[in-house]
Amino acid sequence: MLGNFHIMANASTRQIASVDRYANALFQLAKEAKVLETVSSELLNLKKILNEDDTLLSMVKNPSISKSNKFNFFNSLSEKIEMSKLAKNFIGVIINKNRINYLMDIINSFEKLMSGLKGEMSATITSAKVLKEEELKHIKDKLKDKFSSEFNINTIVDETLIGGLKIQVGSQMIDSSIKNQLQTLKEKMKEVA
């Protein structure tokens, strides 16, 4: 059983390394071409579009949809949102290399590189429901006070948390989710029994 875990951990590590390599390659190309801000805003726009439509996101991640259909979809979308040639070509490369299902992870990794360039820190906030703008601003302000830095926020919705938040900044994790509180209570009850 432990052997299977090791194999899964290696696959996950390779996936993360692959995502980071693709994001770094795009970052370096955009930096050389002096279009970092443009590519960054295009990727954020693309991420927003895909996050707002579950059908589009599942199509991107679906391995049974052919490369040519994905090329056609992204060509059409990139024209509609007036994406730069660099970003459009990059998406073509990751479709060709069968890495398009990691697009959202690549965008998140690119955002972290941009944050580093700007001297910002990155935080991932996981919540049971979509957070309102004022809630995000409040959390961002608290993080700024605690870490004395501006923050780039990545949000994830995980309904299994029931309520509360999980906030990850680098290797630090703040878990105030109801799911975690119930798990802690369960463990304490086992100790008593």
N, C-alpha and C. Protein backbone atom coordinates (compact mmCIF):
# COMPACT_ATOMS: atom_id res chain seq x y z
N MET A 1 0.83 -1.21 0.00
CA MET A 1 0.00 0.00 0.00
C MET A 1 0.86 1.25 0.00
N LEU A 2 1.92 1.23 0.79
CA LEU A 2 2.80 2.38 0.85
C LEU A 2 3.48 2.63 -0.49
N GLY A 3 3.76 1.56 -1.22
CA GLY A 3 4.36 1.69 -2.55
C GLY A 3 3.47 2.47 -3.50
N ASN A 4 2.15 2.21 -3.44
CA ASN A 4 1.21 2.96 -4.28
C ASN A 4 1.20 4.44 -3.92
N PHE A 5 1.31 4.73 -2.62
CA PHE A 5 1.35 6.12 -2.19
C PHE A 5 2.58 6.81 -2.79
N HIS A 6 3.72 6.12 -2.75
CA HIS A 6 4.96 6.68 -3.28
C HIS A 6 4.82 6.98 -4.77
N ILE A 7 4.20 6.08 -5.51
CA ILE A 7 3.99 6.28 -6.95
C ILE A 7 3.08 7.48 -7.18
N MET A 8 2.00 7.57 -6.39
CA MET A 8 1.07 8.69 -6.54
C MET A 8 1.76 10.00 -6.18
N ALA A 9 2.58 9.99 -5.14
CA ALA A 9 3.29 11.21 -4.73
C ALA A 9 4.26 11.64 -5.82
N ASN A 10 4.95 10.69 -6.44
CA ASN A 10 5.87 11.01 -7.52
C ASN A 10 5.13 11.61 -8.71
N ALA A 11 3.97 11.02 -9.06
CA ALA A 11 3.18 11.55 -10.18
C ALA A 11 2.73 12.97 -9.88
N SER A 12 2.30 13.21 -8.64
CA SER A 12 1.85 14.54 -8.25
C SER A 12 3.01 15.54 -8.29
N THR A 13 4.18 15.12 -7.83
CA THR A 13 5.36 15.98 -7.85
C THR A 13 5.75 16.30 -9.29
N ARG A 14 5.70 15.31 -10.18
CA ARG A 14 6.03 15.55 -11.58
C ARG A 14 5.02 16.51 -12.20
N GLN A 15 3.74 16.34 -11.85
CA GLN A 15 2.69 17.22 -12.38
C GLN A 15 2.95 18.66 -11.96
N ILE A 16 3.28 18.88 -10.68
CA ILE A 16 3.54 20.22 -10.18
C ILE A 16 4.76 20.80 -10.87
N ALA A 17 5.81 19.99 -11.01
CA ALA A 17 7.03 20.47 -11.68
C ALA A 17 6.73 20.84 -13.13
N SER A 18 5.90 20.03 -13.79
CA SER A 18 5.53 20.30 -15.18
C SER A 18 4.74 21.60 -15.28
N VAL A 19 3.79 21.78 -14.39
CA VAL A 19 2.98 23.01 -14.36
C VAL A 19 3.89 24.22 -14.18
N ASP A 20 4.80 24.13 -13.22
CA ASP A 20 5.71 25.25 -12.94
C ASP A 20 6.63 25.53 -14.13
N ARG A 21 7.10 24.48 -14.81
CA ARG A 21 7.97 24.68 -15.98
C ARG A 21 7.24 25.41 -17.09
N TYR A 22 6.00 25.01 -17.36
CA TYR A 22 5.22 25.67 -18.41
C TYR A 22 4.95 27.13 -18.04
N ALA A 23 4.57 27.37 -16.78
CA ALA A 23 4.30 28.74 -16.34
C ALA A 23 5.57 29.58 -16.42
N ASN A 24 6.69 29.02 -16.01
CA ASN A 24 7.95 29.75 -16.06
C ASN A 24 8.37 30.04 -17.50
N ALA A 25 8.15 29.08 -18.40
CA ALA A 25 8.50 29.31 -19.81
C ALA A 25 7.69 30.47 -20.37
N LEU A 26 6.39 30.48 -20.11
CA LEU A 26 5.54 31.57 -20.59
C LEU A 26 5.97 32.89 -19.95
N PHE A 27 6.26 32.85 -18.66
CA PHE A 27 6.70 34.04 -17.94
C PHE A 27 7.96 34.63 -18.58
N GLN A 28 8.94 33.77 -18.85
CA GLN A 28 10.21 34.23 -19.44
C GLN A 28 10.00 34.79 -20.84
N LEU A 29 9.17 34.11 -21.64
CA LEU A 29 8.88 34.60 -23.00
C LEU A 29 8.18 35.96 -22.97
N ALA A 30 7.21 36.09 -22.06
CA ALA A 30 6.47 37.35 -21.94
C ALA A 30 7.38 38.47 -21.44
N LYS A 31 8.29 38.11 -20.54
CA LYS A 31 9.24 39.09 -20.00
C LYS A 31 10.18 39.58 -21.11
N GLU A 32 10.71 38.64 -21.90
CA GLU A 32 11.60 39.00 -23.01
C GLU A 32 10.89 39.88 -24.04
N ALA A 33 9.61 39.58 -24.28
CA ALA A 33 8.84 40.34 -25.27
C ALA A 33 8.26 41.62 -24.67
N LYS A 34 8.49 41.83 -23.37
CA LYS A 34 8.00 43.00 -22.65
C LYS A 34 6.47 43.11 -22.68
N VAL A 35 5.81 41.93 -22.51
CA VAL A 35 4.34 41.90 -22.49
C VAL A 35 3.81 41.15 -21.26
N LEU A 36 4.58 41.19 -20.17
CA LEU A 36 4.18 40.45 -18.96
C LEU A 36 2.79 40.86 -18.48
N GLU A 37 2.56 42.15 -18.34
CA GLU A 37 1.27 42.64 -17.82
C GLU A 37 0.12 42.22 -18.74
N THR A 38 0.35 42.32 -20.05
CA THR A 38 -0.68 41.95 -21.03
C THR A 38 -1.03 40.47 -20.91
N VAL A 39 0.00 39.62 -20.91
CA VAL A 39 -0.23 38.17 -20.81
C VAL A 39 -0.89 37.83 -19.48
N SER A 40 -0.44 38.48 -18.41
CA SER A 40 -1.03 38.23 -17.10
C SER A 40 -2.52 38.56 -17.08
N SER A 41 -2.88 39.71 -17.60
CA SER A 41 -4.30 40.09 -17.61
C SER A 41 -5.12 39.17 -18.53
N GLU A 42 -4.51 38.72 -19.64
CA GLU A 42 -5.21 37.79 -20.53
C GLU A 42 -5.46 36.45 -19.83
N LEU A 43 -4.46 35.97 -19.10
CA LEU A 43 -4.62 34.70 -18.38
C LEU A 43 -5.66 34.82 -17.27
N LEU A 44 -5.64 35.95 -16.56
CA LEU A 44 -6.65 36.15 -15.52
C LEU A 44 -8.05 36.21 -16.11
N ASN A 45 -8.18 36.86 -17.27
CA ASN A 45 -9.47 36.93 -17.95
C ASN A 45 -9.91 35.53 -18.38
N LEU A 46 -8.99 34.76 -18.94
CA LEU A 46 -9.30 33.39 -19.37
C LEU A 46 -9.71 32.54 -18.17
N LYS A 47 -9.00 32.68 -17.06
CA LYS A 47 -9.32 31.94 -15.84
C LYS A 47 -10.73 32.29 -15.36
N LYS A 48 -11.05 33.59 -15.41
CA LYS A 48 -12.38 34.04 -14.98
C LYS A 48 -13.46 33.43 -15.87
N ILE A 49 -13.24 33.45 -17.17
CA ILE A 49 -14.22 32.89 -18.12
C ILE A 49 -14.44 31.40 -17.84
N LEU A 50 -13.35 30.65 -17.67
CA LEU A 50 -13.46 29.21 -17.44
C LEU A 50 -14.08 28.90 -16.08
N ASN A 51 -13.76 29.70 -15.06
CA ASN A 51 -14.34 29.47 -13.73
C ASN A 51 -15.83 29.78 -13.69
N GLU A 52 -16.28 30.68 -14.55
CA GLU A 52 -17.69 31.06 -14.55
C GLU A 52 -18.56 30.06 -15.30
N ASP A 53 -17.96 29.16 -16.06
CA ASP A 53 -18.74 28.22 -16.86
C ASP A 53 -18.19 26.79 -16.68
N ASP A 54 -18.89 26.01 -15.84
CA ASP A 54 -18.45 24.64 -15.56
C ASP A 54 -18.36 23.79 -16.82
N THR A 55 -19.23 24.05 -17.79
CA THR A 55 -19.22 23.27 -19.03
C THR A 55 -17.92 23.50 -19.79
N LEU A 56 -17.49 24.75 -19.88
CA LEU A 56 -16.24 25.06 -20.57
C LEU A 56 -15.05 24.43 -19.85
N LEU A 57 -15.04 24.56 -18.52
CA LEU A 57 -13.93 24.02 -17.74
C LEU A 57 -13.86 22.50 -17.87
N SER A 58 -15.00 21.83 -17.82
CA SER A 58 -14.98 20.37 -17.95
C SER A 58 -14.58 19.95 -19.37
N MET A 59 -14.93 20.75 -20.37
CA MET A 59 -14.51 20.46 -21.75
C MET A 59 -12.99 20.56 -21.87
N VAL A 60 -12.40 21.58 -21.25
CA VAL A 60 -10.96 21.76 -21.29
C VAL A 60 -10.25 20.57 -20.66
N LYS A 61 -10.80 20.08 -19.55
CA LYS A 61 -10.15 18.99 -18.81
C LYS A 61 -10.51 17.60 -19.32
N ASN A 62 -11.47 17.51 -20.22
CA ASN A 62 -11.94 16.21 -20.69
C ASN A 62 -10.97 15.61 -21.72
N PRO A 63 -10.32 14.49 -21.38
CA PRO A 63 -9.35 13.89 -22.30
C PRO A 63 -9.99 13.25 -23.54
N SER A 64 -11.30 13.00 -23.50
CA SER A 64 -11.94 12.36 -24.65
C SER A 64 -12.28 13.37 -25.76
N ILE A 65 -12.16 14.66 -25.47
CA ILE A 65 -12.38 15.67 -26.51
C ILE A 65 -11.08 15.84 -27.28
N SER A 66 -11.17 15.77 -28.58
CA SER A 66 -9.97 15.78 -29.43
C SER A 66 -9.18 17.08 -29.33
N LYS A 67 -7.89 16.98 -29.64
CA LYS A 67 -7.02 18.16 -29.67
C LYS A 67 -7.56 19.18 -30.66
N SER A 68 -8.02 18.70 -31.83
CA SER A 68 -8.49 19.65 -32.85
C SER A 68 -9.71 20.43 -32.36
N ASN A 69 -10.62 19.77 -31.62
CA ASN A 69 -11.77 20.50 -31.06
C ASN A 69 -11.32 21.52 -30.02
N LYS A 70 -10.31 21.15 -29.23
CA LYS A 70 -9.80 22.09 -28.22
C LYS A 70 -9.08 23.25 -28.90
N PHE A 71 -8.29 22.96 -29.96
CA PHE A 71 -7.65 24.03 -30.74
C PHE A 71 -8.70 24.99 -31.27
N ASN A 72 -9.75 24.44 -31.89
CA ASN A 72 -10.81 25.27 -32.46
C ASN A 72 -11.48 26.12 -31.40
N PHE A 73 -11.78 25.51 -30.26
CA PHE A 73 -12.43 26.24 -29.17
C PHE A 73 -11.55 27.40 -28.71
N PHE A 74 -10.27 27.12 -28.43
CA PHE A 74 -9.39 28.17 -27.92
C PHE A 74 -9.06 29.23 -28.98
N ASN A 75 -8.98 28.83 -30.26
CA ASN A 75 -8.78 29.82 -31.32
C ASN A 75 -9.95 30.79 -31.37
N SER A 76 -11.15 30.24 -31.30
CA SER A 76 -12.35 31.06 -31.33
C SER A 76 -12.41 31.97 -30.09
N LEU A 77 -12.14 31.40 -28.93
CA LEU A 77 -12.18 32.17 -27.69
C LEU A 77 -11.11 33.25 -27.68
N SER A 78 -9.90 32.91 -28.14
CA SER A 78 -8.81 33.89 -28.12
C SER A 78 -9.09 35.07 -29.05
N GLU A 79 -9.78 34.81 -30.17
CA GLU A 79 -10.16 35.91 -31.06
C GLU A 79 -11.22 36.78 -30.41
N LYS A 80 -12.17 36.12 -29.74
CA LYS A 80 -13.26 36.85 -29.11
C LYS A 80 -12.75 37.77 -28.00
N ILE A 81 -11.77 37.31 -27.23
CA ILE A 81 -11.27 38.13 -26.12
C ILE A 81 -9.97 38.86 -26.48
N GLU A 82 -9.63 38.82 -27.78
CA GLU A 82 -8.47 39.53 -28.33
C GLU A 82 -7.18 39.20 -27.58
N MET A 83 -6.90 37.91 -27.52
CA MET A 83 -5.70 37.43 -26.84
C MET A 83 -4.47 37.66 -27.71
N SER A 84 -3.35 37.98 -27.06
CA SER A 84 -2.10 38.21 -27.78
C SER A 84 -1.62 36.93 -28.47
N LYS A 85 -0.77 37.12 -29.46
CA LYS A 85 -0.24 35.98 -30.21
C LYS A 85 0.55 35.06 -29.28
N LEU A 86 1.31 35.62 -28.34
CA LEU A 86 2.10 34.81 -27.42
C LEU A 86 1.21 33.91 -26.57
N ALA A 87 0.18 34.46 -25.98
CA ALA A 87 -0.72 33.66 -25.13
C ALA A 87 -1.45 32.62 -25.96
N LYS A 88 -1.89 33.02 -27.14
CA LYS A 88 -2.61 32.10 -28.03
C LYS A 88 -1.70 30.94 -28.45
N ASN A 89 -0.45 31.25 -28.81
CA ASN A 89 0.50 30.20 -29.20
C ASN A 89 0.83 29.29 -28.02
N PHE A 90 0.94 29.87 -26.85
CA PHE A 90 1.24 29.07 -25.66
C PHE A 90 0.14 28.05 -25.41
N ILE A 91 -1.09 28.50 -25.51
CA ILE A 91 -2.22 27.57 -25.30
C ILE A 91 -2.18 26.48 -26.36
N GLY A 92 -1.83 26.84 -27.59
CA GLY A 92 -1.68 25.82 -28.64
C GLY A 92 -0.63 24.79 -28.29
N VAL A 93 0.47 25.23 -27.70
CA VAL A 93 1.54 24.30 -27.30
C VAL A 93 1.05 23.35 -26.21
N ILE A 94 0.37 23.89 -25.20
CA ILE A 94 -0.06 22.98 -24.12
C ILE A 94 -1.18 22.05 -24.57
N ILE A 95 -1.97 22.46 -25.55
CA ILE A 95 -2.95 21.52 -26.13
C ILE A 95 -2.19 20.42 -26.86
N ASN A 96 -1.22 20.80 -27.67
CA ASN A 96 -0.43 19.85 -28.45
C ASN A 96 0.32 18.86 -27.56
N LYS A 97 0.78 19.32 -26.40
CA LYS A 97 1.54 18.48 -25.47
C LYS A 97 0.63 17.75 -24.47
N ASN A 98 -0.68 17.81 -24.68
CA ASN A 98 -1.67 17.18 -23.79
C ASN A 98 -1.56 17.68 -22.34
N ARG A 99 -1.33 18.97 -22.17
CA ARG A 99 -1.24 19.56 -20.83
C ARG A 99 -2.34 20.59 -20.60
N ILE A 100 -3.29 20.67 -21.51
CA ILE A 100 -4.34 21.68 -21.39
C ILE A 100 -5.20 21.46 -20.14
N ASN A 101 -5.28 20.20 -19.67
CA ASN A 101 -6.07 19.95 -18.46
C ASN A 101 -5.42 20.58 -17.22
N TYR A 102 -4.16 21.02 -17.35
CA TYR A 102 -3.47 21.72 -16.25
C TYR A 102 -3.50 23.23 -16.44
N LEU A 103 -4.29 23.72 -17.37
CA LEU A 103 -4.30 25.15 -17.69
C LEU A 103 -4.53 26.02 -16.45
N MET A 104 -5.49 25.68 -15.62
CA MET A 104 -5.79 26.52 -14.45
C MET A 104 -4.60 26.51 -13.48
N ASP A 105 -3.95 25.36 -13.32
CA ASP A 105 -2.77 25.29 -12.45
C ASP A 105 -1.62 26.11 -13.03
N ILE A 106 -1.47 26.06 -14.35
CA ILE A 106 -0.42 26.85 -15.01
C ILE A 106 -0.69 28.34 -14.81
N ILE A 107 -1.94 28.75 -14.95
CA ILE A 107 -2.29 30.16 -14.74
C ILE A 107 -1.99 30.56 -13.30
N ASN A 108 -2.35 29.71 -12.32
CA ASN A 108 -2.07 30.02 -10.91
C ASN A 108 -0.57 30.13 -10.67
N SER A 109 0.20 29.25 -11.27
CA SER A 109 1.66 29.29 -11.12
C SER A 109 2.22 30.58 -11.75
N PHE A 110 1.68 30.97 -12.91
CA PHE A 110 2.09 32.22 -13.57
C PHE A 110 1.78 33.41 -12.67
N GLU A 111 0.60 33.39 -12.03
CA GLU A 111 0.21 34.47 -11.12
C GLU A 111 1.20 34.59 -9.96
N LYS A 112 1.66 33.44 -9.46
CA LYS A 112 2.64 33.46 -8.36
C LYS A 112 3.95 34.09 -8.82
N LEU A 113 4.36 33.79 -10.04
CA LEU A 113 5.58 34.40 -10.59
C LEU A 113 5.40 35.92 -10.71
N MET A 114 4.24 36.34 -11.18
CA MET A 114 3.95 37.78 -11.29
C MET A 114 3.97 38.44 -9.92
N SER A 115 3.38 37.78 -8.94
CA SER A 115 3.37 38.32 -7.57
C SER A 115 4.77 38.48 -7.04
N GLY A 116 5.60 37.46 -7.29
CA GLY A 116 7.00 37.53 -6.84
C GLY A 116 7.72 38.70 -7.48
N LEU A 117 7.46 38.93 -8.75
CA LEU A 117 8.09 40.04 -9.46
C LEU A 117 7.67 41.38 -8.86
N LYS A 118 6.42 41.47 -8.44
CA LYS A 118 5.89 42.71 -7.87
C LYS A 118 6.17 42.83 -6.37
N GLY A 119 6.81 41.80 -5.78
CA GLY A 119 7.07 41.83 -4.34
C GLY A 119 5.85 41.47 -3.52
N GLU A 120 4.88 40.85 -4.15
CA GLU A 120 3.67 40.43 -3.45
C GLU A 120 3.83 38.99 -2.99
N MET A 121 3.00 38.61 -2.02
CA MET A 121 2.92 37.22 -1.61
C MET A 121 1.64 36.64 -2.18
N SER A 122 1.60 35.31 -2.26
CA SER A 122 0.40 34.63 -2.75
C SER A 122 -0.27 33.90 -1.60
N ALA A 123 -1.59 33.89 -1.64
CA ALA A 123 -2.36 33.14 -0.65
C ALA A 123 -3.47 32.41 -1.40
N THR A 124 -3.74 31.20 -0.95
CA THR A 124 -4.86 30.43 -1.49
C THR A 124 -5.90 30.33 -0.39
N ILE A 125 -7.10 30.80 -0.70
CA ILE A 125 -8.20 30.78 0.26
C ILE A 125 -9.22 29.77 -0.24
N THR A 126 -9.47 28.77 0.59
CA THR A 126 -10.46 27.75 0.27
C THR A 126 -11.65 27.97 1.19
N SER A 127 -12.83 28.08 0.59
CA SER A 127 -14.05 28.32 1.37
C SER A 127 -15.16 27.40 0.90
N ALA A 128 -16.19 27.27 1.73
CA ALA A 128 -17.32 26.39 1.39
C ALA A 128 -18.23 27.02 0.35
N LYS A 129 -18.16 28.34 0.22
CA LYS A 129 -18.98 29.04 -0.77
C LYS A 129 -18.15 30.16 -1.39
N VAL A 130 -18.63 30.71 -2.48
CA VAL A 130 -17.94 31.81 -3.14
C VAL A 130 -17.94 33.01 -2.19
N LEU A 131 -16.76 33.59 -2.00
CA LEU A 131 -16.64 34.74 -1.11
C LEU A 131 -17.01 36.03 -1.84
N LYS A 132 -17.65 36.95 -1.11
CA LYS A 132 -18.00 38.25 -1.67
C LYS A 132 -16.75 39.12 -1.72
N GLU A 133 -16.78 40.14 -2.57
CA GLU A 133 -15.64 41.04 -2.73
C GLU A 133 -15.22 41.67 -1.41
N GLU A 134 -16.20 42.10 -0.59
CA GLU A 134 -15.86 42.75 0.68
C GLU A 134 -15.23 41.75 1.66
N GLU A 135 -15.66 40.47 1.60
CA GLU A 135 -15.03 39.45 2.44
C GLU A 135 -13.58 39.23 2.02
N LEU A 136 -13.34 39.16 0.71
CA LEU A 136 -11.98 38.98 0.20
C LEU A 136 -11.10 40.18 0.58
N LYS A 137 -11.65 41.38 0.48
CA LYS A 137 -10.89 42.58 0.84
C LYS A 137 -10.52 42.54 2.32
N HIS A 138 -11.46 42.14 3.16
CA HIS A 138 -11.21 42.06 4.60
C HIS A 138 -10.09 41.05 4.90
N ILE A 139 -10.14 39.89 4.27
CA ILE A 139 -9.11 38.86 4.46
C ILE A 139 -7.77 39.36 3.95
N LYS A 140 -7.79 39.99 2.78
CA LYS A 140 -6.55 40.54 2.20
C LYS A 140 -5.92 41.58 3.13
N ASP A 141 -6.76 42.44 3.72
CA ASP A 141 -6.27 43.45 4.66
C ASP A 141 -5.64 42.80 5.90
N LYS A 142 -6.28 41.76 6.41
CA LYS A 142 -5.76 41.05 7.59
C LYS A 142 -4.42 40.39 7.26
N LEU A 143 -4.33 39.77 6.07
CA LEU A 143 -3.08 39.14 5.66
C LEU A 143 -1.98 40.19 5.49
N LYS A 144 -2.35 41.34 4.92
CA LYS A 144 -1.38 42.42 4.73
C LYS A 144 -0.84 42.89 6.08
N ASP A 145 -1.72 43.02 7.08
CA ASP A 145 -1.29 43.42 8.42
C ASP A 145 -0.37 42.37 9.04
N LYS A 146 -0.72 41.11 8.89
CA LYS A 146 0.05 40.02 9.52
C LYS A 146 1.41 39.84 8.85
N PHE A 147 1.47 39.90 7.54
CA PHE A 147 2.70 39.58 6.81
C PHE A 147 3.43 40.82 6.26
N SER A 148 2.87 42.00 6.45
CA SER A 148 3.47 43.25 5.95
C SER A 148 3.80 43.17 4.46
N SER A 149 2.85 42.69 3.68
CA SER A 149 3.06 42.54 2.24
C SER A 149 1.71 42.59 1.52
N GLU A 150 1.76 43.01 0.27
CA GLU A 150 0.57 42.93 -0.57
C GLU A 150 0.35 41.46 -0.94
N PHE A 151 -0.89 41.10 -1.25
CA PHE A 151 -1.20 39.71 -1.56
C PHE A 151 -1.93 39.54 -2.88
N ASN A 152 -1.57 38.48 -3.57
CA ASN A 152 -2.30 38.00 -4.73
C ASN A 152 -3.13 36.82 -4.21
N ILE A 153 -4.44 36.90 -4.33
CA ILE A 153 -5.32 35.89 -3.75
C ILE A 153 -5.86 34.96 -4.82
N ASN A 154 -5.76 33.66 -4.55
CA ASN A 154 -6.36 32.63 -5.39
C ASN A 154 -7.45 31.98 -4.56
N THR A 155 -8.67 31.89 -5.09
CA THR A 155 -9.77 31.32 -4.31
C THR A 155 -10.19 29.97 -4.88
N ILE A 156 -10.57 29.09 -3.97
CA ILE A 156 -11.07 27.76 -4.32
C ILE A 156 -12.34 27.54 -3.51
N VAL A 157 -13.37 26.99 -4.13
CA VAL A 157 -14.59 26.63 -3.41
C VAL A 157 -14.59 25.12 -3.20
N ASP A 158 -14.72 24.72 -1.92
CA ASP A 158 -14.78 23.31 -1.54
C ASP A 158 -15.93 23.16 -0.56
N GLU A 159 -17.08 22.73 -1.06
CA GLU A 159 -18.29 22.65 -0.25
C GLU A 159 -18.16 21.66 0.91
N THR A 160 -17.19 20.73 0.84
CA THR A 160 -17.01 19.76 1.93
C THR A 160 -16.50 20.42 3.21
N LEU A 161 -16.03 21.66 3.13
CA LEU A 161 -15.56 22.36 4.33
C LEU A 161 -16.72 22.73 5.25
N ILE A 162 -17.93 22.72 4.72
CA ILE A 162 -19.18 23.05 5.41
C ILE A 162 -19.26 24.55 5.69
N GLY A 163 -18.24 25.13 6.28
CA GLY A 163 -18.18 26.56 6.58
C GLY A 163 -16.77 26.91 6.99
N GLY A 164 -16.51 28.18 7.22
CA GLY A 164 -15.17 28.61 7.61
C GLY A 164 -14.24 28.69 6.42
N LEU A 165 -12.94 28.79 6.70
CA LEU A 165 -11.93 28.99 5.66
C LEU A 165 -10.68 28.17 5.91
N LYS A 166 -9.96 27.92 4.83
CA LYS A 166 -8.59 27.44 4.90
C LYS A 166 -7.78 28.45 4.12
N ILE A 167 -6.74 28.99 4.73
CA ILE A 167 -5.89 29.98 4.07
C ILE A 167 -4.46 29.45 4.07
N GLN A 168 -3.88 29.35 2.88
CA GLN A 168 -2.50 28.90 2.78
C GLN A 168 -1.65 30.02 2.22
N VAL A 169 -0.59 30.34 2.98
CA VAL A 169 0.40 31.32 2.56
C VAL A 169 1.74 30.60 2.64
N GLY A 170 2.30 30.30 1.46
CA GLY A 170 3.55 29.52 1.44
C GLY A 170 3.31 28.16 2.08
N SER A 171 4.10 27.83 3.09
CA SER A 171 3.95 26.54 3.76
C SER A 171 3.05 26.66 4.99
N GLN A 172 2.58 27.87 5.31
CA GLN A 172 1.70 28.05 6.47
C GLN A 172 0.25 27.82 6.08
N MET A 173 -0.46 27.06 6.94
CA MET A 173 -1.88 26.78 6.70
C MET A 173 -2.68 27.22 7.92
N ILE A 174 -3.68 28.04 7.69
CA ILE A 174 -4.61 28.44 8.73
C ILE A 174 -5.93 27.77 8.37
N ASP A 175 -6.37 26.83 9.22
CA ASP A 175 -7.58 26.06 8.91
C ASP A 175 -8.63 26.30 9.97
N SER A 176 -9.61 27.15 9.65
CA SER A 176 -10.71 27.42 10.58
C SER A 176 -12.02 26.84 10.03
N SER A 177 -11.90 25.82 9.18
CA SER A 177 -13.10 25.23 8.58
C SER A 177 -13.85 24.38 9.60
N ILE A 178 -15.15 24.30 9.43
CA ILE A 178 -15.98 23.49 10.30
C ILE A 178 -15.60 22.01 10.15
N LYS A 179 -15.25 21.61 8.95
CA LYS A 179 -14.80 20.24 8.70
C LYS A 179 -13.60 19.91 9.59
N ASN A 180 -12.63 20.81 9.66
CA ASN A 180 -11.45 20.59 10.49
C ASN A 180 -11.81 20.58 11.96
N GLN A 181 -12.71 21.47 12.38
CA GLN A 181 -13.12 21.52 13.77
C GLN A 181 -13.84 20.24 14.18
N LEU A 182 -14.68 19.71 13.28
CA LEU A 182 -15.36 18.44 13.56
C LEU A 182 -14.36 17.29 13.64
N GLN A 183 -13.37 17.30 12.75
CA GLN A 183 -12.34 16.25 12.77
C GLN A 183 -11.55 16.31 14.08
N THR A 184 -11.20 17.50 14.53
CA THR A 184 -10.47 17.67 15.80
C THR A 184 -11.31 17.17 16.97
N LEU A 185 -12.59 17.52 16.97
CA LEU A 185 -13.50 17.07 18.02
C LEU A 185 -13.61 15.55 18.02
N LYS A 186 -13.71 14.96 16.85
CA LYS A 186 -13.79 13.50 16.70
C LYS A 186 -12.55 12.82 17.30
N GLU A 187 -11.37 13.39 17.02
CA GLU A 187 -10.12 12.83 17.53
C GLU A 187 -10.05 12.95 19.06
N LYS A 188 -10.51 14.07 19.60
CA LYS A 188 -10.52 14.26 21.05
C LYS A 188 -11.47 13.27 21.71
N MET A 189 -12.61 13.00 21.07
CA MET A 189 -13.58 12.06 21.62
C MET A 189 -13.01 10.63 21.63
N LYS A 190 -12.23 10.29 20.62
CA LYS A 190 -11.59 8.97 20.56
C LYS A 190 -10.59 8.81 21.69
N GLU A 191 -9.88 9.91 22.03
CA GLU A 191 -8.91 9.86 23.12
C GLU A 191 -9.57 9.59 24.46
N VAL A 192 -10.77 10.17 24.66
CA VAL A 192 -11.49 10.02 25.91
C VAL A 192 -12.07 8.62 26.04
N ALA A 193 -12.53 8.06 24.92
CA ALA A 193 -13.20 6.75 24.95
C ALA A 193 -12.28 5.61 25.22
